[in-house]
């Protein structure tokens, strides 16, 4: 009947019990995801800049 207290670091605690190989795989996936997100942002920034220039240049 008594609920355990909410643990915000439950995901980190779960990750501690994983084997090294699994932890490395998760880290690699996360870094790949961040890399693709960063490259997408870098590609989108000039396009957004050009779009704002075109929209602001219209009379």
Protein backbone atom coordinates (compact mmCIF):
# COMPACT_ATOMS: atom_id res chain seq x y z
CA UNK A 1 0.00 0.00 0.00
CA UNK A 2 2.95 2.29 0.59
CA UNK A 3 4.25 3.77 -2.69
CA UNK A 4 8.01 4.12 -3.14
CA UNK A 5 9.24 7.70 -3.47
CA UNK A 6 9.66 9.01 -7.00
CA UNK A 7 13.25 8.70 -8.19
CA UNK A 8 14.22 11.20 -10.91
CA UNK A 9 17.51 9.38 -11.49
CA UNK A 10 15.91 5.99 -12.07
CA UNK A 11 17.20 5.86 -15.64
CA UNK A 12 20.77 6.51 -14.45
CA UNK A 13 20.41 3.88 -11.76
CA UNK A 14 19.19 1.36 -14.34
CA UNK A 15 22.12 2.21 -16.57
CA UNK A 16 24.58 1.47 -13.75
CA UNK A 17 23.52 -2.18 -13.68
CA UNK A 18 23.99 -2.72 -17.41
CA UNK A 19 27.08 -4.50 -18.70
CA UNK A 20 29.88 -2.37 -20.14
CA UNK A 21 29.15 -3.43 -23.72
CA UNK A 22 25.50 -2.39 -23.43
CA UNK A 23 26.48 0.92 -21.84
CA UNK A 24 28.89 1.63 -24.69
CA UNK A 25 26.19 0.80 -27.22
CA UNK A 26 23.77 3.21 -25.55
CA UNK A 27 26.40 5.95 -25.43
CA UNK A 28 27.21 5.43 -29.10
CA UNK A 29 23.54 5.63 -30.04
CA UNK A 30 23.09 8.81 -28.01
CA UNK A 31 26.16 10.46 -29.53
CA UNK A 32 25.05 9.50 -33.04
CA UNK A 33 21.62 10.98 -32.35
CA UNK A 34 23.18 14.22 -31.05
CA UNK A 35 25.49 14.38 -34.07
CA UNK A 36 22.62 14.03 -36.52
CA UNK A 37 20.61 16.62 -34.61
CA UNK A 38 23.53 19.04 -34.67
CA UNK A 39 24.15 18.58 -38.38
CA UNK A 40 20.44 19.06 -39.10
CA UNK A 41 20.51 22.33 -37.15
CA UNK A 42 23.63 23.49 -38.99
CA UNK A 43 21.95 22.78 -42.31
CA UNK A 44 18.73 24.49 -41.26
CA UNK A 45 20.30 27.71 -39.98
CA UNK A 46 21.41 29.15 -43.37
CA UNK A 47 18.07 28.15 -44.89
CA UNK A 48 16.18 29.90 -42.11
CA UNK A 49 18.40 32.96 -42.51
CA UNK A 50 17.76 33.11 -46.26
CA UNK A 51 14.05 32.65 -45.71
CA UNK A 52 13.93 35.50 -43.21
CA UNK A 53 15.91 37.73 -45.60
CA UNK A 54 13.52 36.98 -48.44
CA UNK A 55 10.44 37.54 -46.30
CA UNK A 56 11.76 40.79 -44.84
CA UNK A 57 12.85 42.14 -48.24
CA UNK A 58 9.34 42.00 -49.65
CA UNK A 59 7.65 45.42 -49.72
